[in-house]
PDB file of all heavy atoms in Angstrom:
ATOM      1  N   THR A   1      -0.491  -2.115  -7.994  1.00  0.00           N
ATOM      2  CA  THR A   1       0.488  -2.626  -7.095  1.00  0.00           C
ATOM      3  C   THR A   1       1.605  -1.643  -6.793  1.00  0.00           C
ATOM      4  O   THR A   1       2.010  -1.383  -5.695  1.00  0.00           O
ATOM      5  CB  THR A   1       1.034  -3.961  -7.504  1.00  0.00           C
ATOM      6  OG1 THR A   1      -0.025  -4.948  -7.699  1.00  0.00           O
ATOM      7  CG2 THR A   1       2.080  -4.536  -6.681  1.00  0.00           C
ATOM      8  N   GLU A   2       2.113  -1.103  -7.943  1.00  0.00           N
ATOM      9  CA  GLU A   2       3.253  -0.148  -7.795  1.00  0.00           C
ATOM     10  C   GLU A   2       2.946   1.039  -6.951  1.00  0.00           C
ATOM     11  O   GLU A   2       3.674   1.579  -6.264  1.00  0.00           O
ATOM     12  CB  GLU A   2       3.727   0.284  -9.245  1.00  0.00           C
ATOM     13  CG  GLU A   2       4.332  -0.851  -9.991  1.00  0.00           C
ATOM     14  CD  GLU A   2       3.533  -1.993 -10.436  1.00  0.00           C
ATOM     15  OE1 GLU A   2       2.249  -1.688 -10.559  1.00  0.00           O
ATOM     16  OE2 GLU A   2       3.976  -3.082 -10.540  1.00  0.00           O
ATOM     17  N   LYS A   3       1.673   1.619  -7.158  1.00  0.00           N
ATOM     18  CA  LYS A   3       1.235   2.822  -6.382  1.00  0.00           C
ATOM     19  C   LYS A   3       1.009   2.502  -4.924  1.00  0.00           C
ATOM     20  O   LYS A   3       1.342   3.305  -4.071  1.00  0.00           O
ATOM     21  CB  LYS A   3      -0.006   3.425  -6.989  1.00  0.00           C
ATOM     22  CG  LYS A   3       0.298   4.197  -8.296  1.00  0.00           C
ATOM     23  CD  LYS A   3      -0.954   4.853  -8.822  1.00  0.00           C
ATOM     24  CE  LYS A   3      -0.658   5.647 -10.084  1.00  0.00           C
ATOM     25  NZ  LYS A   3      -1.859   6.188 -10.718  1.00  0.00           N
ATOM     26  N   MET A   4       0.498   1.255  -4.663  1.00  0.00           N
ATOM     27  CA  MET A   4       0.379   0.920  -3.255  1.00  0.00           C
ATOM     28  C   MET A   4       1.794   0.870  -2.620  1.00  0.00           C
ATOM     29  O   MET A   4       1.984   1.372  -1.507  1.00  0.00           O
ATOM     30  CB  MET A   4      -0.295  -0.547  -3.160  1.00  0.00           C
ATOM     31  CG  MET A   4      -0.546  -1.043  -1.798  1.00  0.00           C
ATOM     32  SD  MET A   4      -1.770  -0.096  -0.903  1.00  0.00           S
ATOM     33  CE  MET A   4      -0.779   0.701   0.342  1.00  0.00           C
ATOM     34  N   THR A   5       2.688   0.293  -3.356  1.00  0.00           N
ATOM     35  CA  THR A   5       4.115   0.266  -2.765  1.00  0.00           C
ATOM     36  C   THR A   5       4.639   1.548  -2.634  1.00  0.00           C
ATOM     37  O   THR A   5       5.392   1.930  -1.652  1.00  0.00           O
ATOM     38  CB  THR A   5       5.017  -0.630  -3.743  1.00  0.00           C
ATOM     39  OG1 THR A   5       4.379  -1.901  -3.897  1.00  0.00           O
ATOM     40  CG2 THR A   5       6.367  -0.860  -3.073  1.00  0.00           C
ATOM     41  N   ARG A   6       4.431   2.465  -3.673  1.00  0.00           N
ATOM     42  CA  ARG A   6       4.991   3.855  -3.561  1.00  0.00           C
ATOM     43  C   ARG A   6       4.556   4.629  -2.389  1.00  0.00           C
ATOM     44  O   ARG A   6       5.393   5.217  -1.653  1.00  0.00           O
ATOM     45  CB  ARG A   6       4.571   4.507  -4.916  1.00  0.00           C
ATOM     46  CG  ARG A   6       5.087   6.003  -4.866  1.00  0.00           C
ATOM     47  CD  ARG A   6       4.482   6.722  -6.169  1.00  0.00           C
ATOM     48  NE  ARG A   6       4.806   8.176  -6.117  1.00  0.00           N
ATOM     49  CZ  ARG A   6       4.260   9.076  -6.928  1.00  0.00           C
ATOM     50  NH1 ARG A   6       3.454   8.723  -7.916  1.00  0.00           N
ATOM     51  NH2 ARG A   6       4.546  10.349  -6.723  1.00  0.00           N
ATOM     52  N   ILE A   7       3.156   4.539  -1.962  1.00  0.00           N
ATOM     53  CA  ILE A   7       2.783   5.210  -0.798  1.00  0.00           C
ATOM     54  C   ILE A   7       3.338   4.710   0.452  1.00  0.00           C
ATOM     55  O   ILE A   7       3.673   5.446   1.378  1.00  0.00           O
ATOM     56  CB  ILE A   7       1.220   5.187  -0.776  1.00  0.00           C
ATOM     57  CG1 ILE A   7       0.681   6.386   0.109  1.00  0.00           C
ATOM     58  CG2 ILE A   7       0.646   3.908  -0.267  1.00  0.00           C
ATOM     59  CD1 ILE A   7       0.503   7.722  -0.502  1.00  0.00           C
ATOM     60  N   LEU A   8       3.548   3.368   0.439  1.00  0.00           N
ATOM     61  CA  LEU A   8       4.264   2.845   1.631  1.00  0.00           C
ATOM     62  C   LEU A   8       5.677   3.271   1.799  1.00  0.00           C
ATOM     63  O   LEU A   8       6.209   3.476   2.893  1.00  0.00           O
ATOM     64  CB  LEU A   8       4.251   1.295   1.575  1.00  0.00           C
ATOM     65  CG  LEU A   8       2.822   0.692   1.615  1.00  0.00           C
ATOM     66  CD1 LEU A   8       2.930  -0.906   1.471  1.00  0.00           C
ATOM     67  CD2 LEU A   8       2.142   0.821   2.953  1.00  0.00           C
ATOM     68  N   ASN A   9       6.331   3.539   0.670  1.00  0.00           N
ATOM     69  CA  ASN A   9       7.748   4.039   0.552  1.00  0.00           C
ATOM     70  C   ASN A   9       7.719   5.472   0.981  1.00  0.00           C
ATOM     71  O   ASN A   9       8.692   5.976   1.647  1.00  0.00           O
ATOM     72  CB  ASN A   9       8.392   3.804  -0.658  1.00  0.00           C
ATOM     73  CG  ASN A   9       8.591   2.234  -0.932  1.00  0.00           C
ATOM     74  OD1 ASN A   9       8.762   1.532   0.055  1.00  0.00           O
ATOM     75  ND2 ASN A   9       8.743   1.846  -2.150  1.00  0.00           N
ATOM     76  N   GLU A  10       6.760   6.304   0.488  1.00  0.00           N
ATOM     77  CA  GLU A  10       6.879   7.704   0.665  1.00  0.00           C
ATOM     78  C   GLU A  10       6.357   8.189   2.049  1.00  0.00           C
ATOM     79  O   GLU A  10       6.818   9.225   2.373  1.00  0.00           O
ATOM     80  CB  GLU A  10       5.990   8.463  -0.483  1.00  0.00           C
ATOM     81  CG  GLU A  10       6.625   8.349  -1.869  1.00  0.00           C
ATOM     82  CD  GLU A  10       5.859   9.247  -2.877  1.00  0.00           C
ATOM     83  OE1 GLU A  10       5.042   9.929  -2.433  1.00  0.00           O
ATOM     84  OE2 GLU A  10       6.298   9.156  -4.024  1.00  0.00           O
ATOM     85  N   ILE A  11       5.658   7.330   2.631  1.00  0.00           N
ATOM     86  CA  ILE A  11       5.186   7.516   4.030  1.00  0.00           C
ATOM     87  C   ILE A  11       5.773   6.543   4.953  1.00  0.00           C
ATOM     88  O   ILE A  11       5.158   5.375   5.008  1.00  0.00           O
ATOM     89  CB  ILE A  11       3.674   7.601   4.179  1.00  0.00           C
ATOM     90  CG1 ILE A  11       3.057   8.711   3.211  1.00  0.00           C
ATOM     91  CG2 ILE A  11       3.306   7.970   5.673  1.00  0.00           C
ATOM     92  CD1 ILE A  11       1.560   8.675   3.281  1.00  0.00           C
ATOM     93  N   PRO A  12       6.999   6.590   5.354  1.00  0.00           N
ATOM     94  CA  PRO A  12       7.761   5.490   6.056  1.00  0.00           C
ATOM     95  C   PRO A  12       7.256   5.367   7.560  1.00  0.00           C
ATOM     96  O   PRO A  12       7.901   5.516   8.538  1.00  0.00           O
ATOM     97  CB  PRO A  12       9.160   6.050   6.080  1.00  0.00           C
ATOM     98  CG  PRO A  12       9.096   7.605   6.082  1.00  0.00           C
ATOM     99  CD  PRO A  12       7.808   7.892   5.263  1.00  0.00           C
ATOM    100  N   SER A  13       5.883   5.014   7.609  1.00  0.00           N
ATOM    101  CA  SER A  13       5.327   4.747   8.927  1.00  0.00           C
ATOM    102  C   SER A  13       4.881   3.325   9.068  1.00  0.00           C
ATOM    103  O   SER A  13       4.112   2.811   8.015  1.00  0.00           O
ATOM    104  CB  SER A  13       4.142   5.609   9.230  1.00  0.00           C
ATOM    105  OG  SER A  13       3.430   5.311  10.262  1.00  0.00           O
ATOM    106  N   SER A  14       5.116   2.556  10.053  1.00  0.00           N
ATOM    107  CA  SER A  14       4.691   1.288  10.177  1.00  0.00           C
ATOM    108  C   SER A  14       3.176   1.152  10.488  1.00  0.00           C
ATOM    109  O   SER A  14       2.653   0.081  10.561  1.00  0.00           O
ATOM    110  CB  SER A  14       5.455   0.576  11.368  1.00  0.00           C
ATOM    111  OG  SER A  14       5.291   1.266  12.532  1.00  0.00           O
ATOM    112  N   THR A  15       2.588   2.277  10.675  1.00  0.00           N
ATOM    113  CA  THR A  15       1.107   2.299  10.921  1.00  0.00           C
ATOM    114  C   THR A  15       0.274   2.075   9.557  1.00  0.00           C
ATOM    115  O   THR A  15      -0.953   1.751   9.676  1.00  0.00           O
ATOM    116  CB  THR A  15       0.579   3.628  11.499  1.00  0.00           C
ATOM    117  OG1 THR A  15       0.797   4.675  10.680  1.00  0.00           O
ATOM    118  CG2 THR A  15       1.406   3.851  12.810  1.00  0.00           C
ATOM    119  N   LEU A  16       0.951   2.108   8.470  1.00  0.00           N
ATOM    120  CA  LEU A  16       0.211   1.868   7.246  1.00  0.00           C
ATOM    121  C   LEU A  16       0.278   0.463   6.818  1.00  0.00           C
ATOM    122  O   LEU A  16       1.441  -0.136   6.743  1.00  0.00           O
ATOM    123  CB  LEU A  16       0.815   2.763   6.067  1.00  0.00           C
ATOM    124  CG  LEU A  16       0.675   4.323   6.170  1.00  0.00           C
ATOM    125  CD1 LEU A  16       1.287   5.048   4.986  1.00  0.00           C
ATOM    126  CD2 LEU A  16      -0.830   4.700   6.451  1.00  0.00           C
ATOM    127  N   GLY A  17      -0.887  -0.150   6.587  1.00  0.00           N
ATOM    128  CA  GLY A  17      -0.890  -1.484   6.094  1.00  0.00           C
ATOM    129  C   GLY A  17      -1.794  -1.612   4.811  1.00  0.00           C
ATOM    130  O   GLY A  17      -2.435  -0.628   4.461  1.00  0.00           O
ATOM    131  N   VAL A  18      -1.924  -2.756   4.343  1.00  0.00           N
ATOM    132  CA  VAL A  18      -2.631  -3.000   3.040  1.00  0.00           C
ATOM    133  C   VAL A  18      -3.927  -3.816   3.301  1.00  0.00           C
ATOM    134  O   VAL A  18      -3.812  -4.873   3.952  1.00  0.00           O
ATOM    135  CB  VAL A  18      -1.819  -3.771   1.992  1.00  0.00           C
ATOM    136  CG1 VAL A  18      -2.595  -3.952   0.714  1.00  0.00           C
ATOM    137  CG2 VAL A  18      -0.512  -2.881   1.727  1.00  0.00           C
ATOM    138  N   VAL A  19      -5.055  -3.347   2.747  1.00  0.00           N
ATOM    139  CA  VAL A  19      -6.238  -4.202   2.741  1.00  0.00           C
ATOM    140  C   VAL A  19      -6.202  -4.737   1.330  1.00  0.00           C
ATOM    141  O   VAL A  19      -6.481  -3.930   0.383  1.00  0.00           O
ATOM    142  CB  VAL A  19      -7.492  -3.429   3.100  1.00  0.00           C
ATOM    143  CG1 VAL A  19      -8.677  -4.283   2.828  1.00  0.00           C
ATOM    144  CG2 VAL A  19      -7.459  -2.937   4.475  1.00  0.00           C
ATOM    145  N   PHE A  20      -5.973  -5.979   1.091  1.00  0.00           N
ATOM    146  CA  PHE A  20      -5.784  -6.504  -0.190  1.00  0.00           C
ATOM    147  C   PHE A  20      -7.126  -7.020  -0.793  1.00  0.00           C
ATOM    148  O   PHE A  20      -7.543  -8.175  -0.286  1.00  0.00           O
ATOM    149  CB  PHE A  20      -4.647  -7.501  -0.292  1.00  0.00           C
ATOM    150  CG  PHE A  20      -4.339  -8.030  -1.662  1.00  0.00           C
ATOM    151  CD1 PHE A  20      -4.521  -7.230  -2.803  1.00  0.00           C
ATOM    152  CD2 PHE A  20      -3.767  -9.291  -1.835  1.00  0.00           C
ATOM    153  CE1 PHE A  20      -4.248  -7.657  -4.083  1.00  0.00           C
ATOM    154  CE2 PHE A  20      -3.496  -9.773  -3.081  1.00  0.00           C
ATOM    155  CZ  PHE A  20      -3.655  -8.964  -4.180  1.00  0.00           C
ATOM    156  N   ASP A  21      -7.672  -6.487  -1.727  1.00  0.00           N
ATOM    157  CA  ASP A  21      -8.840  -6.989  -2.478  1.00  0.00           C
ATOM    158  C   ASP A  21      -8.429  -7.316  -3.913  1.00  0.00           C
ATOM    159  O   ASP A  21      -8.321  -6.337  -4.651  1.00  0.00           O
ATOM    160  CB  ASP A  21     -10.061  -5.995  -2.428  1.00  0.00           C
ATOM    161  CG  ASP A  21     -11.346  -6.509  -2.976  1.00  0.00           C
ATOM    162  OD1 ASP A  21     -11.202  -7.306  -4.053  1.00  0.00           O
ATOM    163  OD2 ASP A  21     -12.383  -6.201  -2.571  1.00  0.00           O
ATOM    164  N   PRO A  22      -8.008  -8.471  -4.197  1.00  0.00           N
ATOM    165  CA  PRO A  22      -7.462  -8.768  -5.508  1.00  0.00           C
ATOM    166  C   PRO A  22      -8.451  -8.416  -6.691  1.00  0.00           C
ATOM    167  O   PRO A  22      -8.012  -8.019  -7.720  1.00  0.00           O
ATOM    168  CB  PRO A  22      -7.155 -10.243  -5.439  1.00  0.00           C
ATOM    169  CG  PRO A  22      -7.926 -10.767  -4.301  1.00  0.00           C
ATOM    170  CD  PRO A  22      -8.206  -9.776  -3.327  1.00  0.00           C
ATOM    171  N   VAL A  23      -9.763  -8.646  -6.424  1.00  0.00           N
ATOM    172  CA  VAL A  23     -10.655  -8.326  -7.551  1.00  0.00           C
ATOM    173  C   VAL A  23     -10.815  -6.863  -7.758  1.00  0.00           C
ATOM    174  O   VAL A  23     -10.869  -6.371  -8.937  1.00  0.00           O
ATOM    175  CB  VAL A  23     -12.088  -8.982  -7.216  1.00  0.00           C
ATOM    176  CG1 VAL A  23     -13.143  -8.501  -8.108  1.00  0.00           C
ATOM    177  CG2 VAL A  23     -11.984 -10.480  -7.186  1.00  0.00           C
ATOM    178  N   ASN A  24     -10.712  -6.085  -6.679  1.00  0.00           N
ATOM    179  CA  ASN A  24     -10.800  -4.560  -6.890  1.00  0.00           C
ATOM    180  C   ASN A  24      -9.543  -4.066  -7.557  1.00  0.00           C
ATOM    181  O   ASN A  24      -9.641  -3.112  -8.257  1.00  0.00           O
ATOM    182  CB  ASN A  24     -10.947  -3.920  -5.575  1.00  0.00           C
ATOM    183  CG  ASN A  24     -12.351  -3.806  -5.136  1.00  0.00           C
ATOM    184  OD1 ASN A  24     -13.286  -4.230  -5.840  1.00  0.00           O
ATOM    185  ND2 ASN A  24     -12.637  -3.328  -3.846  1.00  0.00           N
ATOM    186  N   LEU A  25      -8.331  -4.749  -7.367  1.00  0.00           N
ATOM    187  CA  LEU A  25      -7.119  -4.259  -7.813  1.00  0.00           C
ATOM    188  C   LEU A  25      -6.788  -4.833  -9.308  1.00  0.00           C
ATOM    189  O   LEU A  25      -6.006  -4.277 -10.043  1.00  0.00           O
ATOM    190  CB  LEU A  25      -6.007  -4.575  -6.895  1.00  0.00           C
ATOM    191  CG  LEU A  25      -4.624  -3.886  -7.198  1.00  0.00           C
ATOM    192  CD1 LEU A  25      -4.751  -2.357  -7.345  1.00  0.00           C
ATOM    193  CD2 LEU A  25      -3.650  -4.241  -6.177  1.00  0.00           C
TER     194      LEU A  25
END
């Protein structure tokens, strides 16, 4: 979860979204 959030913060583009597969994560 933390790394997903980190990439969203380091690349400040609204074009990045999350495909959330809870079992995979």
